[in-house]
N, C-alpha and C. Protein backbone atom coordinates (compact mmCIF):
# COMPACT_ATOMS: atom_id res chain seq x y z
N MET A 1 15.11 12.74 -5.51
CA MET A 1 15.38 11.35 -5.87
C MET A 1 14.05 10.65 -6.15
N GLN A 2 14.00 9.92 -7.27
CA GLN A 2 12.79 9.18 -7.62
C GLN A 2 12.69 7.93 -6.76
N LEU A 3 11.60 7.84 -6.00
CA LEU A 3 11.38 6.69 -5.14
C LEU A 3 10.68 5.57 -5.91
N LEU A 4 9.63 5.94 -6.64
CA LEU A 4 8.87 4.98 -7.43
C LEU A 4 8.88 5.45 -8.87
N ASN A 5 9.21 4.55 -9.78
CA ASN A 5 9.31 4.92 -11.19
C ASN A 5 8.69 3.83 -12.06
N ALA A 6 7.82 4.23 -12.96
CA ALA A 6 7.23 3.31 -13.92
C ALA A 6 7.55 3.84 -15.31
N GLU A 7 8.06 2.97 -16.18
CA GLU A 7 8.42 3.37 -17.53
C GLU A 7 7.74 2.46 -18.55
N SER A 8 6.98 3.07 -19.44
CA SER A 8 6.33 2.37 -20.56
C SER A 8 5.52 1.16 -20.09
N VAL A 9 4.79 1.32 -18.99
CA VAL A 9 4.01 0.21 -18.42
C VAL A 9 2.75 -0.02 -19.25
N ARG A 10 2.52 -1.29 -19.56
CA ARG A 10 1.38 -1.66 -20.38
C ARG A 10 0.76 -2.94 -19.85
N LYS A 11 -0.59 -2.97 -19.85
CA LYS A 11 -1.32 -4.17 -19.46
C LYS A 11 -2.61 -4.25 -20.26
N SER A 12 -2.82 -5.41 -20.88
CA SER A 12 -4.05 -5.66 -21.64
C SER A 12 -4.72 -6.91 -21.09
N PHE A 13 -6.01 -6.93 -21.21
CA PHE A 13 -6.82 -8.09 -20.86
C PHE A 13 -7.56 -8.47 -22.14
N GLY A 14 -7.04 -9.47 -22.82
CA GLY A 14 -7.62 -9.82 -24.11
C GLY A 14 -7.46 -8.66 -25.07
N GLY A 15 -8.57 -8.19 -25.65
CA GLY A 15 -8.53 -7.08 -26.58
C GLY A 15 -8.62 -5.71 -25.93
N LEU A 16 -8.74 -5.66 -24.60
CA LEU A 16 -8.88 -4.39 -23.90
C LEU A 16 -7.55 -3.97 -23.27
N THR A 17 -7.05 -2.82 -23.67
CA THR A 17 -5.83 -2.30 -23.07
C THR A 17 -6.23 -1.42 -21.89
N ALA A 18 -5.88 -1.84 -20.69
CA ALA A 18 -6.26 -1.13 -19.48
C ALA A 18 -5.25 -0.05 -19.10
N VAL A 19 -3.98 -0.33 -19.32
CA VAL A 19 -2.88 0.61 -19.04
C VAL A 19 -2.00 0.61 -20.28
N ASP A 20 -1.81 1.78 -20.87
CA ASP A 20 -1.13 1.85 -22.15
C ASP A 20 0.04 2.82 -22.12
N ASN A 21 1.25 2.27 -22.04
CA ASN A 21 2.48 3.04 -22.13
C ASN A 21 2.56 4.16 -21.08
N VAL A 22 2.33 3.80 -19.83
CA VAL A 22 2.32 4.78 -18.74
C VAL A 22 3.73 5.01 -18.20
N ASP A 23 4.10 6.28 -18.12
CA ASP A 23 5.31 6.72 -17.43
C ASP A 23 4.85 7.48 -16.20
N PHE A 24 5.45 7.18 -15.05
CA PHE A 24 4.98 7.74 -13.79
C PHE A 24 6.13 7.71 -12.81
N HIS A 25 6.28 8.76 -12.02
CA HIS A 25 7.28 8.70 -10.96
C HIS A 25 6.83 9.52 -9.76
N VAL A 26 7.31 9.09 -8.62
CA VAL A 26 7.05 9.78 -7.36
C VAL A 26 8.40 10.04 -6.71
N GLU A 27 8.63 11.28 -6.36
CA GLU A 27 9.87 11.67 -5.69
C GLU A 27 9.78 11.31 -4.20
N GLN A 28 10.93 11.09 -3.59
CA GLN A 28 10.97 10.80 -2.16
C GLN A 28 10.36 11.98 -1.40
N GLY A 29 9.43 11.69 -0.48
CA GLY A 29 8.77 12.71 0.32
C GLY A 29 7.55 13.32 -0.34
N GLU A 30 7.30 12.98 -1.58
CA GLU A 30 6.17 13.54 -2.32
C GLU A 30 4.91 12.72 -2.06
N ILE A 31 3.78 13.38 -1.99
CA ILE A 31 2.48 12.71 -1.91
C ILE A 31 1.82 12.90 -3.26
N MET A 32 1.43 11.81 -3.89
CA MET A 32 0.91 11.85 -5.24
C MET A 32 -0.48 11.24 -5.26
N GLY A 33 -1.36 11.84 -6.02
CA GLY A 33 -2.69 11.29 -6.23
C GLY A 33 -2.86 10.88 -7.67
N LEU A 34 -3.68 9.89 -7.91
CA LEU A 34 -3.97 9.42 -9.26
C LEU A 34 -5.48 9.45 -9.41
N ILE A 35 -5.97 10.29 -10.31
CA ILE A 35 -7.42 10.41 -10.49
C ILE A 35 -7.79 10.11 -11.93
N GLY A 36 -9.04 9.76 -12.13
CA GLY A 36 -9.55 9.50 -13.47
C GLY A 36 -10.90 8.84 -13.36
N PRO A 37 -11.63 8.78 -14.46
CA PRO A 37 -12.96 8.19 -14.45
C PRO A 37 -12.92 6.67 -14.24
N ASN A 38 -14.07 6.09 -13.93
CA ASN A 38 -14.17 4.64 -13.83
C ASN A 38 -13.69 4.02 -15.14
N GLY A 39 -12.91 2.97 -15.02
CA GLY A 39 -12.43 2.27 -16.20
C GLY A 39 -11.18 2.86 -16.82
N ALA A 40 -10.60 3.87 -16.18
CA ALA A 40 -9.41 4.53 -16.74
C ALA A 40 -8.13 3.73 -16.53
N GLY A 41 -8.14 2.73 -15.64
CA GLY A 41 -6.96 1.90 -15.42
C GLY A 41 -6.23 2.18 -14.11
N LYS A 42 -6.82 2.99 -13.24
CA LYS A 42 -6.15 3.34 -11.96
C LYS A 42 -5.91 2.09 -11.11
N THR A 43 -6.92 1.31 -10.89
CA THR A 43 -6.79 0.11 -10.06
C THR A 43 -5.84 -0.89 -10.70
N THR A 44 -5.93 -1.05 -12.01
CA THR A 44 -5.00 -1.94 -12.71
C THR A 44 -3.57 -1.48 -12.50
N PHE A 45 -3.33 -0.17 -12.59
CA PHE A 45 -1.99 0.36 -12.40
C PHE A 45 -1.47 0.06 -11.00
N PHE A 46 -2.31 0.27 -9.98
CA PHE A 46 -1.90 -0.05 -8.60
C PHE A 46 -1.66 -1.55 -8.43
N ASN A 47 -2.46 -2.37 -9.09
CA ASN A 47 -2.24 -3.82 -9.04
C ASN A 47 -0.92 -4.21 -9.69
N LEU A 48 -0.53 -3.48 -10.73
CA LEU A 48 0.77 -3.74 -11.38
C LEU A 48 1.92 -3.36 -10.45
N ILE A 49 1.79 -2.22 -9.78
CA ILE A 49 2.84 -1.78 -8.84
C ILE A 49 2.99 -2.78 -7.71
N SER A 50 1.87 -3.24 -7.16
CA SER A 50 1.92 -4.14 -6.00
C SER A 50 2.22 -5.59 -6.37
N GLY A 51 2.22 -5.91 -7.66
CA GLY A 51 2.50 -7.27 -8.09
C GLY A 51 1.29 -8.17 -8.09
N ALA A 52 0.11 -7.62 -7.82
CA ALA A 52 -1.11 -8.44 -7.82
C ALA A 52 -1.39 -8.99 -9.21
N ILE A 53 -1.01 -8.24 -10.25
CA ILE A 53 -1.07 -8.74 -11.62
C ILE A 53 0.25 -8.38 -12.31
N MET A 54 0.61 -9.16 -13.31
CA MET A 54 1.87 -8.95 -14.01
C MET A 54 1.66 -8.01 -15.20
N LEU A 55 2.64 -7.14 -15.42
CA LEU A 55 2.53 -6.24 -16.56
C LEU A 55 2.93 -6.96 -17.84
N ASP A 56 2.43 -6.46 -18.95
CA ASP A 56 2.78 -7.04 -20.25
C ASP A 56 4.13 -6.53 -20.72
N SER A 57 4.39 -5.25 -20.48
CA SER A 57 5.68 -4.67 -20.85
C SER A 57 5.94 -3.44 -20.00
N GLY A 58 7.19 -3.01 -20.00
CA GLY A 58 7.60 -1.88 -19.21
C GLY A 58 8.32 -2.32 -17.95
N THR A 59 8.68 -1.35 -17.13
CA THR A 59 9.44 -1.62 -15.91
C THR A 59 8.96 -0.73 -14.78
N ILE A 60 8.89 -1.30 -13.59
CA ILE A 60 8.58 -0.53 -12.38
C ILE A 60 9.73 -0.73 -11.42
N THR A 61 10.28 0.37 -10.93
CA THR A 61 11.36 0.31 -9.94
C THR A 61 10.95 1.06 -8.69
N PHE A 62 11.49 0.62 -7.57
CA PHE A 62 11.29 1.28 -6.29
C PHE A 62 12.66 1.48 -5.65
N ASN A 63 12.99 2.72 -5.38
CA ASN A 63 14.28 3.04 -4.78
C ASN A 63 15.44 2.49 -5.62
N GLY A 64 15.26 2.51 -6.94
CA GLY A 64 16.29 2.06 -7.86
C GLY A 64 16.34 0.56 -8.11
N VAL A 65 15.46 -0.20 -7.45
CA VAL A 65 15.44 -1.66 -7.60
C VAL A 65 14.22 -2.07 -8.41
N LYS A 66 14.42 -2.90 -9.41
CA LYS A 66 13.30 -3.37 -10.24
C LYS A 66 12.39 -4.25 -9.39
N ILE A 67 11.11 -3.86 -9.33
CA ILE A 67 10.13 -4.66 -8.59
C ILE A 67 9.14 -5.34 -9.52
N SER A 68 9.02 -4.87 -10.76
CA SER A 68 8.10 -5.53 -11.69
C SER A 68 8.60 -6.95 -11.92
N GLY A 69 7.64 -7.89 -11.95
CA GLY A 69 7.97 -9.30 -12.10
C GLY A 69 8.11 -10.03 -10.78
N ARG A 70 8.13 -9.29 -9.68
CA ARG A 70 8.22 -9.94 -8.36
C ARG A 70 6.82 -10.27 -7.83
N LYS A 71 6.77 -11.18 -6.89
CA LYS A 71 5.51 -11.57 -6.25
C LYS A 71 5.09 -10.49 -5.24
N PRO A 72 3.78 -10.37 -4.97
CA PRO A 72 3.29 -9.34 -4.05
C PRO A 72 3.97 -9.35 -2.68
N HIS A 73 4.21 -10.53 -2.11
CA HIS A 73 4.83 -10.57 -0.78
C HIS A 73 6.27 -10.06 -0.82
N GLN A 74 6.94 -10.24 -1.96
CA GLN A 74 8.30 -9.71 -2.10
C GLN A 74 8.27 -8.18 -2.22
N ILE A 75 7.31 -7.66 -2.97
CA ILE A 75 7.16 -6.22 -3.14
C ILE A 75 6.76 -5.58 -1.81
N CYS A 76 5.95 -6.27 -1.05
CA CYS A 76 5.53 -5.77 0.27
C CYS A 76 6.74 -5.55 1.17
N ARG A 77 7.72 -6.39 1.06
CA ARG A 77 8.92 -6.25 1.90
C ARG A 77 9.73 -5.00 1.57
N PHE A 78 9.47 -4.42 0.41
CA PHE A 78 10.10 -3.14 0.06
C PHE A 78 9.35 -1.97 0.71
N GLY A 79 8.17 -2.27 1.28
CA GLY A 79 7.36 -1.22 1.89
C GLY A 79 6.20 -0.78 1.02
N ILE A 80 5.88 -1.55 0.00
CA ILE A 80 4.79 -1.22 -0.90
C ILE A 80 3.66 -2.23 -0.71
N GLY A 81 2.48 -1.73 -0.50
CA GLY A 81 1.31 -2.59 -0.35
C GLY A 81 0.08 -1.87 -0.84
N ARG A 82 -0.98 -2.59 -1.03
CA ARG A 82 -2.23 -1.96 -1.42
C ARG A 82 -3.36 -2.61 -0.65
N THR A 83 -4.43 -1.89 -0.55
CA THR A 83 -5.63 -2.43 0.09
C THR A 83 -6.79 -2.23 -0.86
N PHE A 84 -7.91 -2.71 -0.45
CA PHE A 84 -9.12 -2.62 -1.26
C PHE A 84 -10.07 -1.65 -0.59
N GLN A 85 -11.17 -1.31 -1.26
CA GLN A 85 -12.07 -0.31 -0.72
C GLN A 85 -12.66 -0.72 0.62
N THR A 86 -12.87 -2.00 0.81
CA THR A 86 -13.40 -2.48 2.08
C THR A 86 -12.24 -2.77 3.01
N ALA A 87 -12.28 -2.15 4.18
CA ALA A 87 -11.22 -2.37 5.17
C ALA A 87 -11.28 -3.81 5.65
N LYS A 88 -10.16 -4.50 5.67
CA LYS A 88 -10.08 -5.89 6.12
C LYS A 88 -9.17 -5.96 7.34
N ASN A 89 -9.67 -5.52 8.45
CA ASN A 89 -8.91 -5.54 9.69
C ASN A 89 -9.33 -6.75 10.51
N PHE A 90 -8.62 -7.01 11.59
CA PHE A 90 -8.90 -8.13 12.46
C PHE A 90 -9.80 -7.64 13.60
N PRO A 91 -11.09 -7.99 13.60
CA PRO A 91 -12.04 -7.41 14.56
C PRO A 91 -11.76 -7.76 16.02
N GLY A 92 -11.10 -8.86 16.31
CA GLY A 92 -10.83 -9.25 17.69
C GLY A 92 -9.60 -8.59 18.28
N MET A 93 -8.96 -7.73 17.50
CA MET A 93 -7.71 -7.10 17.95
C MET A 93 -7.90 -5.59 18.07
N SER A 94 -7.01 -4.99 18.83
CA SER A 94 -7.02 -3.53 18.98
C SER A 94 -6.43 -2.88 17.73
N VAL A 95 -6.56 -1.56 17.65
CA VAL A 95 -5.97 -0.80 16.56
C VAL A 95 -4.47 -1.04 16.53
N ARG A 96 -3.82 -0.98 17.68
CA ARG A 96 -2.37 -1.20 17.76
C ARG A 96 -1.99 -2.61 17.28
N GLU A 97 -2.75 -3.61 17.69
CA GLU A 97 -2.46 -4.99 17.28
C GLU A 97 -2.63 -5.16 15.77
N ASN A 98 -3.67 -4.54 15.20
CA ASN A 98 -3.87 -4.60 13.75
C ASN A 98 -2.70 -3.98 13.01
N ALA A 99 -2.28 -2.81 13.45
CA ALA A 99 -1.15 -2.15 12.80
C ALA A 99 0.12 -2.97 12.97
N SER A 100 0.26 -3.64 14.10
CA SER A 100 1.44 -4.48 14.35
C SER A 100 1.53 -5.63 13.36
N MET A 101 0.39 -6.14 12.93
CA MET A 101 0.40 -7.23 11.94
C MET A 101 1.11 -6.78 10.67
N GLY A 102 0.81 -5.58 10.22
CA GLY A 102 1.47 -5.05 9.03
C GLY A 102 2.94 -4.79 9.26
N ALA A 103 3.26 -4.26 10.44
CA ALA A 103 4.65 -3.93 10.75
C ALA A 103 5.51 -5.19 10.81
N LEU A 104 5.00 -6.24 11.38
CA LEU A 104 5.78 -7.46 11.52
C LEU A 104 5.87 -8.24 10.21
N PHE A 105 4.83 -8.15 9.39
CA PHE A 105 4.83 -8.88 8.12
C PHE A 105 5.65 -8.16 7.06
N GLY A 106 5.63 -6.85 7.08
CA GLY A 106 6.15 -6.06 5.99
C GLY A 106 7.64 -6.14 5.74
N GLU A 107 8.44 -6.40 6.75
CA GLU A 107 9.88 -6.33 6.54
C GLU A 107 10.56 -7.49 7.27
N LYS A 108 11.24 -8.32 6.52
CA LYS A 108 11.95 -9.46 7.09
C LYS A 108 13.02 -8.99 8.06
N GLY A 109 13.15 -9.68 9.19
CA GLY A 109 14.22 -9.39 10.12
C GLY A 109 13.93 -8.26 11.09
N LYS A 110 12.75 -7.66 11.00
CA LYS A 110 12.40 -6.57 11.90
C LYS A 110 12.10 -7.16 13.28
N THR A 111 12.64 -6.56 14.32
CA THR A 111 12.37 -7.03 15.67
C THR A 111 11.01 -6.52 16.13
N ARG A 112 10.49 -7.17 17.14
CA ARG A 112 9.20 -6.75 17.71
C ARG A 112 9.30 -5.32 18.24
N LYS A 113 10.43 -4.99 18.86
CA LYS A 113 10.63 -3.64 19.40
C LYS A 113 10.62 -2.60 18.28
N GLN A 114 11.30 -2.91 17.17
CA GLN A 114 11.31 -2.00 16.02
C GLN A 114 9.90 -1.82 15.47
N ALA A 115 9.17 -2.94 15.36
CA ALA A 115 7.80 -2.89 14.85
C ALA A 115 6.91 -2.04 15.76
N GLU A 116 7.05 -2.21 17.07
CA GLU A 116 6.24 -1.44 18.02
C GLU A 116 6.52 0.06 17.91
N GLN A 117 7.78 0.43 17.71
CA GLN A 117 8.13 1.84 17.53
C GLN A 117 7.51 2.38 16.24
N GLU A 118 7.61 1.60 15.19
CA GLU A 118 7.05 2.01 13.90
C GLU A 118 5.53 2.15 14.00
N VAL A 119 4.88 1.22 14.69
CA VAL A 119 3.43 1.29 14.87
C VAL A 119 3.05 2.59 15.58
N GLY A 120 3.76 2.92 16.63
CA GLY A 120 3.47 4.16 17.36
C GLY A 120 3.59 5.38 16.46
N ASP A 121 4.64 5.41 15.64
CA ASP A 121 4.85 6.53 14.72
C ASP A 121 3.73 6.63 13.69
N VAL A 122 3.34 5.48 13.13
CA VAL A 122 2.30 5.48 12.10
C VAL A 122 0.95 5.86 12.69
N LEU A 123 0.62 5.32 13.86
CA LEU A 123 -0.66 5.67 14.48
C LEU A 123 -0.73 7.16 14.78
N GLU A 124 0.37 7.73 15.20
CA GLU A 124 0.43 9.18 15.42
C GLU A 124 0.22 9.92 14.10
N PHE A 125 0.89 9.47 13.05
CA PHE A 125 0.83 10.11 11.74
C PHE A 125 -0.59 10.13 11.18
N VAL A 126 -1.32 9.01 11.32
CA VAL A 126 -2.68 8.92 10.76
C VAL A 126 -3.75 9.37 11.73
N GLY A 127 -3.35 9.85 12.90
CA GLY A 127 -4.32 10.38 13.85
C GLY A 127 -5.09 9.34 14.63
N LEU A 128 -4.49 8.16 14.84
CA LEU A 128 -5.18 7.09 15.57
C LEU A 128 -4.51 6.73 16.89
N SER A 129 -3.50 7.46 17.31
CA SER A 129 -2.79 7.07 18.54
C SER A 129 -3.71 7.13 19.75
N ASP A 130 -4.68 8.05 19.75
CA ASP A 130 -5.59 8.14 20.89
C ASP A 130 -6.58 6.98 20.94
N LEU A 131 -6.68 6.22 19.85
CA LEU A 131 -7.60 5.08 19.78
C LEU A 131 -6.85 3.74 19.73
N SER A 132 -5.56 3.75 20.04
CA SER A 132 -4.71 2.57 19.80
C SER A 132 -5.14 1.33 20.56
N GLU A 133 -5.79 1.48 21.69
CA GLU A 133 -6.21 0.30 22.46
C GLU A 133 -7.67 -0.08 22.22
N ARG A 134 -8.37 0.68 21.38
CA ARG A 134 -9.76 0.36 21.05
C ARG A 134 -9.80 -0.82 20.08
N HIS A 135 -10.88 -1.58 20.15
CA HIS A 135 -11.03 -2.70 19.24
C HIS A 135 -11.70 -2.24 17.95
N ILE A 136 -11.41 -2.91 16.87
CA ILE A 136 -11.84 -2.52 15.54
C ILE A 136 -13.36 -2.33 15.42
N PRO A 137 -14.19 -3.22 15.96
CA PRO A 137 -15.64 -3.00 15.80
C PRO A 137 -16.13 -1.69 16.44
N ASP A 138 -15.35 -1.12 17.34
CA ASP A 138 -15.74 0.12 18.00
C ASP A 138 -15.46 1.37 17.16
N LEU A 139 -14.80 1.21 16.02
CA LEU A 139 -14.40 2.34 15.19
C LEU A 139 -15.36 2.55 14.02
N THR A 140 -15.45 3.79 13.54
CA THR A 140 -16.20 4.08 12.33
C THR A 140 -15.42 3.53 11.14
N LEU A 141 -16.09 3.40 9.99
CA LEU A 141 -15.42 2.90 8.80
C LEU A 141 -14.23 3.77 8.43
N GLY A 142 -14.39 5.08 8.51
CA GLY A 142 -13.28 5.98 8.18
C GLY A 142 -12.09 5.77 9.09
N ARG A 143 -12.34 5.54 10.37
CA ARG A 143 -11.23 5.29 11.31
C ARG A 143 -10.58 3.95 11.05
N LYS A 144 -11.36 2.94 10.65
CA LYS A 144 -10.78 1.63 10.33
C LYS A 144 -9.82 1.73 9.16
N ARG A 145 -10.09 2.64 8.27
CA ARG A 145 -9.26 2.79 7.07
C ARG A 145 -8.08 3.71 7.31
N GLY A 146 -8.04 4.42 8.41
CA GLY A 146 -6.97 5.38 8.69
C GLY A 146 -7.52 6.77 8.47
N SER A 147 -7.67 7.54 9.52
CA SER A 147 -8.43 8.78 9.45
C SER A 147 -7.91 9.78 8.43
N ARG A 148 -6.61 9.88 8.23
CA ARG A 148 -6.07 10.84 7.28
C ARG A 148 -5.84 10.23 5.91
N TRP A 149 -5.80 8.93 5.82
CA TRP A 149 -5.47 8.27 4.55
C TRP A 149 -6.57 7.31 4.16
N GLN A 150 -7.70 7.83 3.70
CA GLN A 150 -8.82 6.99 3.27
C GLN A 150 -8.31 6.03 2.19
N GLY A 151 -8.73 4.78 2.28
CA GLY A 151 -8.31 3.80 1.27
C GLY A 151 -7.13 2.95 1.69
N ARG A 152 -6.54 3.22 2.84
CA ARG A 152 -5.42 2.40 3.31
C ARG A 152 -5.83 1.80 4.65
N SER A 153 -5.82 0.49 4.76
CA SER A 153 -6.18 -0.12 6.02
C SER A 153 -5.02 0.04 7.02
N LEU A 154 -5.30 -0.27 8.27
CA LEU A 154 -4.28 -0.14 9.30
C LEU A 154 -3.05 -0.98 9.00
N GLN A 155 -3.27 -2.22 8.53
CA GLN A 155 -2.11 -3.07 8.26
C GLN A 155 -1.27 -2.50 7.14
N SER A 156 -1.89 -1.95 6.10
CA SER A 156 -1.10 -1.50 4.95
C SER A 156 -0.32 -0.24 5.23
N GLN A 157 -0.62 0.46 6.32
CA GLN A 157 0.17 1.63 6.68
C GLN A 157 1.63 1.22 6.86
N LEU A 158 1.84 -0.03 7.24
CA LEU A 158 3.18 -0.49 7.58
C LEU A 158 3.71 -1.53 6.62
N CYS A 159 3.01 -1.80 5.58
CA CYS A 159 3.43 -2.85 4.65
C CYS A 159 3.81 -2.26 3.32
């Protein structure tokens, strides 16, 4: 089953076409990487998926629901989020508390108990459960970003 699907996605900035007629899909349970040289449009494509910028044409769906044209906070509630190269965690909070911020924000109507269970599962998955009570300044940059998933901050694991 296709979880994420992009059809004929296009984005231009003035005279520069950053993403040109991209078709892309990710199956449920699949881990997909997107590689290419600087300026190839990778970041623009992720910004289009997350709603950070609007596409010029095409459609993006998640789990069969059209998400293109929605605001980033609405797309986040579907479980899609993005982070930037610099980890932006809350330094006064523990690893568990940082992850909880994403869990509580990411899905409307989620109870605190549900969020806490999800946080435990995600911390285990990314190899941070043994550091869950440590504060962010005590971690290396790689650990702040999620030890197995470089490029994803703790909050975005759950958003």
